[in-house]
Amino acid sequence: MSLIGQRVTVLGAGVAGLAVARALALRGAVVTVFEQADAIREVGAGLQISPNGASVLKALGLQQALEAASLRAVAVELRDGLDGSVVTRLEVGRLRPDQGYHFVHRADLIDLLATGVRELEVDLQLLNRAASVDLSGARPVLVLEDGTRHAADLLIGADGLHSVIRSALNGKVAPFFTGQVAWRALIPGDRAASVAEVHMGLGRHLVSYPLRGGNLRNIVAVEERRSWVDEGWMLRDDPMEMRLAFKSFAPRIQGWLEEVQDVYLWGLFRHPVAKVWQRALPEGAVAILGDAAHPTLPFLAQGAAMGLEDAWVLAASLAAHDGFAAGLAAYQAAREGRCSRIVDAASRNARAYHLGGAARMVAHAGLRLGGWLAPEMALRRFDWLYGFDATA
C-alpha cells in the first residue's frame, strides 16, 4: 500500500519511536510523534549497536551520523571477575565490517535520530502524556491527559515498558521481579581499547566499555538479591553500595568503582512478549514495537537493535502489502519469533554469567579451551543474531 499522505501518530520519542517515524516519513507518511518529556533527550547511559541494528540505521540514511557519534567495537571479552583474566574473546570487529559493531551514548543516538526525523518535517509534540487509547471507532484515537483526542490512520505505540497501547491491545499483565538489580554509571574514560568487558562472578557481573572517543566509560553492574526494587531507570543509589557488592572483584574493577560519583539503580523485571502486536480497524490500525511489544533483559545488549529492526520491518511490511490488516499481520509474523528468541537468550545469559563453584570452573575451562582450539566458533554461534539484516 502507498503510505503517501497517511496520517501516523507515534507515541514515544525513544529509539524505536524515532526510528519508525523516520522509516514511515521516508515513505511519504505524515507523522506526528507525541512525547511526555519536555525535550527529546536521554540521560546518560551506553548502548551497544550490533550489525543487525546498524544495518537499519544505514538503510534510514543515518550511517554517517552513527559513525560520527559512536566507537566501533573491536571485541567483547568475557573475564573472570575475581582476577580479571580473559575467559574468552569474541572478535566482533570482524562482523559485517560494512555495518560494524558500535558503542554509543544513548543521548547521542537519540540526538541523531531526532535530527533525522526533523529533517523530514516530522511533527514532534513534547509535554504530551498519554492517558488512554480509544479503539472503539473507525480509526484509533490517542487520548492525552489534558483530554485532547488525536485520531490517526495508524497509531504506533513506542511507549516502552508501561505502554498504554500495549495494554489496550493485550490488557494489563504484571511483570515479575527476576531477583536481580542493576546499577548504571559513567566515569571518565581511560582511552582503553574499544572492547566491551563482561566481568563474571558468583551471583553478579559487571559490563563496561568506552564511549565518546574514550572520554567516558560506561558501567552496568548486576547483582542477584531477594529484596524487591522498583522498576525504572531513575532511582539514585549510594555508590558505596555498588562498591561493596563488587568488593571481591579484581583491583582494576575496584579502581573504576572508586571513580563513580553518581549511580542509578533499577530492578530487573521480566515481561512476557506481547501476544497481540497490532489490530486493524475499519479505517485505520494500531501497532506496538520495541519494548512495548517485547521488553528484554539487558544481558544480550539487543534492546535498541530490536527496536530498530521493528521500525524498519513495520514500515516495509505496510509498503509491501495491500491495506493495514495484511501489512501489520506480516510485521508481527516476521518479528514475533525472532524477538522471542532474543528475549529468551538474554535471560539465559544472566544465569551463565553468575555461576559459582564447580559449575563456574567447568564453564570457564570450556570457554577457554574453545577459544584456544576454535576461536571463530564462539562468534559463529551468534550468526543468527548479528548476521540478520532486517533491510535485506
Protein backbone atom coordinates (compact mmCIF):
# COMPACT_ATOMS: atom_id res chain seq x y z
CA MET A 1 0.00 0.00 0.00
CA SER A 2 1.11 3.55 -0.53
CA LEU A 3 1.96 5.39 2.67
CA ILE A 4 1.97 8.78 0.97
CA GLY A 5 -0.32 11.09 2.91
CA GLN A 6 -1.25 8.52 5.56
CA ARG A 7 -1.58 10.17 8.97
CA VAL A 8 0.54 8.34 11.52
CA THR A 9 0.76 9.08 15.24
CA VAL A 10 3.73 7.63 17.15
CA LEU A 11 3.63 7.60 20.94
CA GLY A 12 7.13 7.81 22.39
CA ALA A 13 10.33 9.50 21.18
CA GLY A 14 12.84 6.86 22.16
CA VAL A 15 14.98 4.80 19.80
CA ALA A 16 12.14 2.71 18.36
CA GLY A 17 9.69 5.62 18.12
CA LEU A 18 12.04 7.97 16.30
CA ALA A 19 13.28 5.19 14.01
CA VAL A 20 9.78 4.18 12.93
CA ALA A 21 8.84 7.85 12.46
CA ARG A 22 11.74 8.29 10.03
CA ALA A 23 11.08 4.98 8.26
CA LEU A 24 7.45 5.94 7.63
CA ALA A 25 8.20 9.56 6.73
CA LEU A 26 10.74 8.39 4.14
CA ARG A 27 7.83 6.53 2.52
CA GLY A 28 5.63 9.63 2.43
CA ALA A 29 3.60 9.30 5.62
CA VAL A 30 2.62 12.42 7.57
CA VAL A 31 3.99 11.59 11.01
CA THR A 32 3.36 13.16 14.43
CA VAL A 33 5.35 11.98 17.46
CA PHE A 34 3.98 12.58 20.96
CA GLU A 35 6.48 12.56 23.82
CA GLN A 36 5.73 13.13 27.50
CA ALA A 37 9.06 14.80 28.29
CA ASP A 38 9.80 18.48 27.73
CA ALA A 39 12.68 17.74 25.35
CA ILE A 40 13.95 14.96 23.08
CA ARG A 41 16.78 13.71 25.23
CA GLU A 42 18.11 10.75 27.19
CA VAL A 43 20.08 10.77 30.40
CA GLY A 44 23.47 9.16 30.39
CA ALA A 45 23.93 5.50 29.58
CA GLY A 46 25.69 3.48 26.95
CA LEU A 47 24.26 1.28 24.23
CA GLN A 48 25.73 -1.42 22.03
CA ILE A 49 24.50 -1.33 18.43
CA SER A 50 25.45 -4.61 16.79
CA PRO A 51 25.49 -5.01 12.99
CA ASN A 52 21.84 -6.07 12.84
CA GLY A 53 20.87 -2.70 14.32
CA ALA A 54 23.48 -0.72 12.40
CA SER A 55 22.10 -2.04 9.10
CA VAL A 56 18.78 -0.35 9.86
CA LEU A 57 20.45 2.97 10.60
CA LYS A 58 22.29 2.64 7.29
CA ALA A 59 19.03 1.99 5.43
CA LEU A 60 17.50 5.01 7.18
CA GLY A 61 20.32 7.16 5.79
CA LEU A 62 21.95 7.63 9.19
CA GLN A 63 25.12 5.54 8.95
CA GLN A 64 27.41 8.57 8.66
CA ALA A 65 25.79 10.10 11.74
CA LEU A 66 26.22 6.82 13.62
CA GLU A 67 29.90 6.60 12.72
CA ALA A 68 30.45 10.15 13.93
CA ALA A 69 28.63 9.58 17.23
CA SER A 70 29.97 6.14 18.17
CA LEU A 71 33.05 3.99 18.64
CA ARG A 72 33.46 0.88 16.52
CA ALA A 73 33.96 -2.12 18.77
CA VAL A 74 36.95 -4.41 18.36
CA ALA A 75 35.86 -7.23 20.66
CA VAL A 76 33.68 -8.45 23.51
CA GLU A 77 35.63 -10.17 26.29
CA LEU A 78 34.26 -12.44 29.00
CA ARG A 79 36.54 -12.14 32.03
CA ASP A 80 36.85 -13.77 35.43
CA GLY A 81 35.67 -11.07 37.78
CA LEU A 82 37.94 -12.15 40.62
CA ASP A 83 41.30 -11.97 38.85
CA GLY A 84 40.43 -10.12 35.64
CA SER A 85 41.76 -12.84 33.35
CA VAL A 86 40.21 -13.29 29.90
CA VAL A 87 37.97 -16.38 29.70
CA THR A 88 37.08 -15.94 26.04
CA ARG A 89 37.08 -13.19 23.44
CA LEU A 90 34.63 -12.55 20.62
CA GLU A 91 36.18 -10.59 17.76
CA VAL A 92 33.02 -8.62 16.95
CA GLY A 93 35.05 -6.13 14.92
CA ARG A 94 35.18 -8.75 12.18
CA LEU A 95 31.40 -8.95 11.97
CA ARG A 96 29.98 -7.40 8.81
CA PRO A 97 32.55 -4.59 8.61
CA ASP A 98 30.27 -2.67 6.25
CA GLN A 99 27.96 -2.14 9.24
CA GLY A 100 30.17 -2.54 12.29
CA TYR A 101 29.51 -3.12 15.96
CA HIS A 102 29.17 0.20 17.80
CA PHE A 103 29.35 1.64 21.32
CA VAL A 104 27.25 4.81 21.53
CA HIS A 105 25.95 7.06 24.27
CA ARG A 106 22.17 6.75 24.40
CA ALA A 107 21.78 10.52 24.26
CA ASP A 108 23.86 10.69 21.08
CA LEU A 109 21.77 8.00 19.39
CA ILE A 110 18.57 9.80 20.34
CA ASP A 111 20.01 13.07 19.04
CA LEU A 112 20.93 11.67 15.62
CA LEU A 113 17.51 10.02 15.28
CA ALA A 114 15.74 13.21 16.34
CA THR A 115 17.74 15.19 13.79
CA GLY A 116 16.77 12.60 11.21
CA VAL A 117 13.05 12.97 11.81
CA ARG A 118 13.15 16.77 11.99
CA GLU A 119 14.77 16.98 8.56
CA LEU A 120 11.77 15.07 7.18
CA GLU A 121 9.36 17.54 8.84
CA VAL A 122 8.00 15.04 11.34
CA ASP A 123 5.93 16.93 13.91
CA LEU A 124 7.44 16.40 17.38
CA GLN A 125 4.91 17.25 20.10
CA LEU A 126 6.52 17.47 23.55
CA LEU A 127 4.94 17.57 27.01
CA ASN A 128 2.10 15.30 25.92
CA ARG A 129 1.43 12.38 28.25
CA ALA A 130 -0.94 9.67 27.06
CA ALA A 131 -3.89 8.74 29.26
CA SER A 132 -5.60 6.05 27.19
CA VAL A 133 -6.35 4.74 23.73
CA ASP A 134 -9.81 4.56 22.18
CA LEU A 135 -10.16 1.72 19.67
CA SER A 136 -13.94 1.71 19.54
CA GLY A 137 -14.29 3.80 16.37
CA ALA A 138 -13.28 3.55 12.75
CA ARG A 139 -9.82 4.99 13.49
CA PRO A 140 -7.62 4.70 16.58
CA VAL A 141 -7.69 7.71 18.90
CA LEU A 142 -4.95 8.67 21.34
CA VAL A 143 -6.35 10.43 24.42
CA LEU A 144 -3.92 12.70 26.24
CA GLU A 145 -4.02 13.57 29.94
CA ASP A 146 -5.43 17.02 29.18
CA GLY A 147 -8.38 15.35 27.42
CA THR A 148 -7.23 16.15 23.89
CA ARG A 149 -8.08 13.41 21.38
CA HIS A 150 -5.92 12.70 18.34
CA ALA A 151 -7.26 10.42 15.62
CA ALA A 152 -4.87 8.79 13.17
CA ASP A 153 -4.89 6.41 10.24
CA LEU A 154 -2.19 4.47 12.09
CA LEU A 155 -1.34 4.72 15.79
CA ILE A 156 2.00 3.24 16.86
CA GLY A 157 2.96 2.53 20.45
CA ALA A 158 6.67 3.02 21.07
CA ASP A 159 5.95 3.92 24.68
CA GLY A 160 8.10 1.39 26.44
CA LEU A 161 7.63 -1.00 29.33
CA HIS A 162 4.41 0.51 30.63
CA SER A 163 2.82 1.12 27.24
CA VAL A 164 -0.81 2.25 27.28
CA ILE A 165 -1.16 0.98 23.71
CA ARG A 166 0.13 -2.48 24.64
CA SER A 167 -2.42 -2.54 27.48
CA ALA A 168 -5.20 -1.54 25.09
CA LEU A 169 -4.31 -4.48 22.84
CA ASN A 170 -3.43 -7.09 25.46
CA GLY A 171 -4.81 -5.98 28.80
CA LYS A 172 -2.55 -5.46 31.80
CA VAL A 173 -0.09 -8.22 32.70
CA ALA A 174 2.02 -7.85 35.83
CA PRO A 175 5.76 -8.44 35.32
CA PHE A 176 7.75 -10.44 37.85
CA PHE A 177 10.94 -9.47 39.63
CA THR A 178 13.90 -11.54 38.38
CA GLY A 179 15.79 -11.35 41.66
CA GLN A 180 18.36 -9.07 40.03
CA VAL A 181 19.13 -5.38 40.26
CA ALA A 182 21.43 -3.29 38.09
CA TRP A 183 23.47 -0.18 38.72
CA ARG A 184 24.49 2.08 35.86
CA ALA A 185 27.12 4.79 35.94
CA LEU A 186 29.52 6.78 33.79
CA ILE A 187 33.08 7.60 34.77
CA PRO A 188 35.89 9.47 32.99
CA GLY A 189 37.38 7.42 30.19
CA ASP A 190 40.84 5.88 30.19
CA ARG A 191 41.32 5.74 26.40
CA ALA A 192 41.42 1.95 26.58
CA ALA A 193 40.81 -0.27 23.56
CA SER A 194 37.31 -0.33 22.12
CA VAL A 195 36.34 -3.54 23.90
CA ALA A 196 33.24 -4.47 25.90
CA GLU A 197 34.29 -6.36 29.01
CA VAL A 198 31.95 -8.68 30.93
CA HIS A 199 33.44 -9.44 34.36
CA MET A 200 31.70 -12.53 35.81
CA GLY A 201 31.36 -13.57 39.45
CA LEU A 202 29.16 -15.58 41.78
CA GLY A 203 25.70 -14.02 41.70
CA ARG A 204 26.89 -10.86 39.95
CA HIS A 205 28.62 -9.46 36.88
CA LEU A 206 29.82 -6.09 35.58
CA VAL A 207 29.86 -4.85 31.98
CA SER A 208 31.99 -1.90 30.83
CA TYR A 209 33.02 -0.28 27.56
CA PRO A 210 34.25 3.13 26.35
CA LEU A 211 32.06 5.91 24.95
CA ARG A 212 32.56 9.23 23.16
CA GLY A 213 36.01 8.60 21.78
CA GLY A 214 37.16 7.03 25.02
CA ASN A 215 36.40 10.14 27.08
CA LEU A 216 33.78 8.21 29.08
CA ARG A 217 33.49 4.66 30.39
CA ASN A 218 30.05 3.07 30.71
CA ILE A 219 29.43 0.72 33.64
CA VAL A 220 26.47 -1.59 34.23
CA ALA A 221 26.75 -3.82 37.30
CA VAL A 222 24.22 -6.55 38.11
CA GLU A 223 23.67 -8.28 41.44
CA GLU A 224 21.29 -11.04 42.50
CA ARG A 225 19.22 -10.21 45.55
CA ARG A 226 15.93 -11.24 47.11
CA SER A 227 14.67 -7.79 48.01
CA TRP A 228 12.34 -6.11 45.55
CA VAL A 229 13.39 -2.86 43.89
CA ASP A 230 11.16 -0.56 41.84
CA GLU A 231 11.27 -0.99 38.10
CA GLY A 232 12.61 2.08 36.33
CA TRP A 233 15.86 3.81 35.44
CA MET A 234 15.89 6.86 37.65
CA LEU A 235 16.34 5.65 41.24
CA ARG A 236 19.57 7.11 42.61
CA ASP A 237 21.73 4.98 44.89
CA ASP A 238 24.82 5.37 47.04
CA PRO A 239 27.96 4.45 45.04
CA MET A 240 29.25 2.69 48.16
CA GLU A 241 26.52 0.07 47.80
CA MET A 242 27.84 -0.89 44.38
CA ARG A 243 31.46 -0.92 45.62
CA LEU A 244 30.52 -3.25 48.47
CA ALA A 245 28.66 -5.59 46.12
CA PHE A 246 31.81 -5.97 43.97
CA LYS A 247 34.47 -5.80 46.69
CA SER A 248 35.76 -9.27 45.77
CA PHE A 249 36.39 -8.31 42.14
CA ALA A 250 39.78 -7.53 40.59
CA PRO A 251 41.68 -4.33 41.52
CA ARG A 252 41.01 -2.80 38.11
CA ILE A 253 37.26 -3.03 38.78
CA GLN A 254 37.76 -1.54 42.23
CA GLY A 255 39.55 1.40 40.61
CA TRP A 256 36.65 2.03 38.24
CA LEU A 257 34.08 1.90 41.02
CA GLU A 258 36.07 4.30 43.20
CA GLU A 259 35.59 6.90 40.45
CA VAL A 260 31.79 6.61 40.44
CA GLN A 261 30.14 9.76 41.76
CA ASP A 262 26.54 9.30 40.59
CA VAL A 263 24.88 5.93 40.19
CA TYR A 264 21.37 4.79 39.31
CA LEU A 265 19.79 1.53 40.44
CA TRP A 266 16.90 -0.34 38.90
CA GLY A 267 15.18 -3.65 39.49
CA LEU A 268 15.14 -6.05 36.55
CA PHE A 269 11.68 -7.39 35.77
CA ARG A 270 10.67 -9.98 33.20
CA HIS A 271 7.74 -9.03 30.98
CA PRO A 272 6.18 -11.52 28.57
CA VAL A 273 6.39 -10.88 24.86
CA ALA A 274 3.01 -9.41 23.89
CA LYS A 275 0.56 -11.81 22.26
CA VAL A 276 -1.13 -9.07 20.20
CA TRP A 277 1.09 -6.54 18.42
CA GLN A 278 -1.44 -4.99 16.07
CA ARG A 279 -5.11 -4.59 15.23
CA ALA A 280 -6.84 -3.33 12.11
CA LEU A 281 -9.91 -1.11 12.47
CA PRO A 282 -12.47 -0.26 9.76
CA GLU A 283 -10.48 2.77 8.57
CA GLY A 284 -7.19 2.56 10.43
CA ALA A 285 -4.96 0.43 12.63
CA VAL A 286 -2.82 0.32 15.76
CA ALA A 287 0.52 -1.41 16.42
CA ILE A 288 3.30 -1.64 19.00
CA LEU A 289 7.05 -2.12 18.69
CA GLY A 290 10.24 -2.11 20.73
CA ASP A 291 9.93 -2.50 24.48
CA ALA A 292 6.18 -2.05 24.24
CA ALA A 293 6.00 -5.37 22.36
CA HIS A 294 8.94 -7.38 23.73
CA PRO A 295 10.77 -5.96 26.77
CA THR A 296 14.09 -7.72 27.27
CA LEU A 297 16.66 -8.03 29.99
CA PRO A 298 19.94 -6.26 29.15
CA PHE A 299 22.17 -9.36 29.04
CA LEU A 300 22.45 -9.64 25.24
CA ALA A 301 22.63 -5.87 24.53
CA GLN A 302 19.80 -6.10 21.98
CA GLY A 303 17.08 -3.76 23.25
CA ALA A 304 17.92 -0.86 20.93
CA ALA A 305 18.77 -3.13 17.98
CA MET A 306 15.42 -4.93 18.25
CA GLY A 307 13.59 -1.60 18.26
CA LEU A 308 15.47 -0.53 15.13
CA GLU A 309 14.68 -3.82 13.39
CA ASP A 310 11.00 -3.50 14.34
CA ALA A 311 10.83 0.01 12.93
CA TRP A 312 12.16 -0.99 9.53
CA VAL A 313 10.08 -4.16 9.23
CA LEU A 314 6.86 -2.40 10.25
CA ALA A 315 7.26 0.29 7.60
CA ALA A 316 8.44 -2.14 4.93
CA SER A 317 5.61 -4.59 5.62
CA LEU A 318 2.99 -1.87 5.26
CA ALA A 319 4.55 -0.71 1.99
CA ALA A 320 4.63 -4.26 0.62
CA HIS A 321 1.01 -5.26 1.35
CA ASP A 322 -2.46 -4.04 0.45
CA GLY A 323 -4.06 -2.46 3.50
CA PHE A 324 -3.20 -2.13 7.16
CA ALA A 325 -4.53 -5.57 8.13
CA ALA A 326 -2.25 -7.53 5.80
CA GLY A 327 0.77 -5.30 6.35
CA LEU A 328 0.64 -5.37 10.13
CA ALA A 329 -0.08 -9.10 10.25
CA ALA A 330 3.05 -9.62 8.16
CA TYR A 331 5.00 -7.35 10.52
CA GLN A 332 4.06 -9.37 13.61
CA ALA A 333 4.68 -12.66 11.83
CA ALA A 334 8.14 -11.51 10.78
CA ARG A 335 9.17 -10.21 14.19
CA GLU A 336 7.49 -12.29 16.89
CA GLY A 337 9.62 -15.43 16.67
CA ARG A 338 12.94 -13.63 16.38
CA CYS A 339 12.24 -11.26 19.25
CA SER A 340 11.06 -14.10 21.49
CA ARG A 341 14.30 -15.96 20.78
CA ILE A 342 16.38 -12.91 21.68
CA VAL A 343 14.44 -12.30 24.90
CA ASP A 344 14.94 -15.93 25.97
CA ALA A 345 18.66 -15.87 25.08
CA ALA A 346 19.17 -12.71 27.15
CA SER A 347 17.57 -14.38 30.16
CA ARG A 348 19.86 -17.41 29.83
CA ASN A 349 22.95 -15.20 29.68
CA ALA A 350 22.27 -13.86 33.15
CA ARG A 351 22.47 -17.36 34.62
CA ALA A 352 25.65 -18.16 32.71
CA TYR A 353 27.39 -15.03 33.99
CA HIS A 354 26.62 -15.76 37.65
CA LEU A 355 27.89 -19.32 38.09
CA GLY A 356 29.83 -20.37 41.16
CA GLY A 357 31.74 -23.36 42.50
CA ALA A 358 32.37 -26.37 40.28
CA ALA A 359 29.90 -25.23 37.63
CA ARG A 360 31.84 -21.98 37.24
CA MET A 361 35.17 -23.81 36.93
CA VAL A 362 33.85 -26.23 34.31
CA ALA A 363 32.13 -23.50 32.28
CA HIS A 364 35.18 -21.20 32.28
CA ALA A 365 37.51 -24.07 31.38
CA GLY A 366 35.27 -25.00 28.48
CA LEU A 367 35.18 -21.42 27.20
CA ARG A 368 38.95 -21.07 27.46
CA LEU A 369 39.56 -24.35 25.65
CA GLY A 370 37.06 -23.48 22.94
CA GLY A 371 38.64 -20.08 22.45
CA TRP A 372 42.07 -21.69 22.06
CA LEU A 373 41.07 -24.57 19.77
CA ALA A 374 38.42 -22.83 17.64
CA PRO A 375 38.44 -19.05 18.23
CA GLU A 376 35.91 -18.42 15.46
CA MET A 377 33.41 -20.99 16.73
CA ALA A 378 32.06 -18.86 19.58
CA LEU A 379 31.42 -15.96 17.24
CA ARG A 380 29.66 -18.20 14.71
CA ARG A 381 27.21 -19.21 17.42
CA PHE A 382 25.80 -15.70 17.11
CA ASP A 383 25.38 -15.66 13.34
CA TRP A 384 21.61 -15.94 13.82
CA LEU A 385 21.69 -12.71 15.84
CA TYR A 386 24.34 -10.43 14.36
CA GLY A 387 24.15 -11.72 10.80
CA PHE A 388 20.47 -10.89 10.44
CA ASP A 389 19.62 -7.93 8.16
CA ALA A 390 16.06 -6.65 8.50
CA THR A 391 16.55 -4.40 5.47
CA ALA A 392 17.60 -7.17 3.05
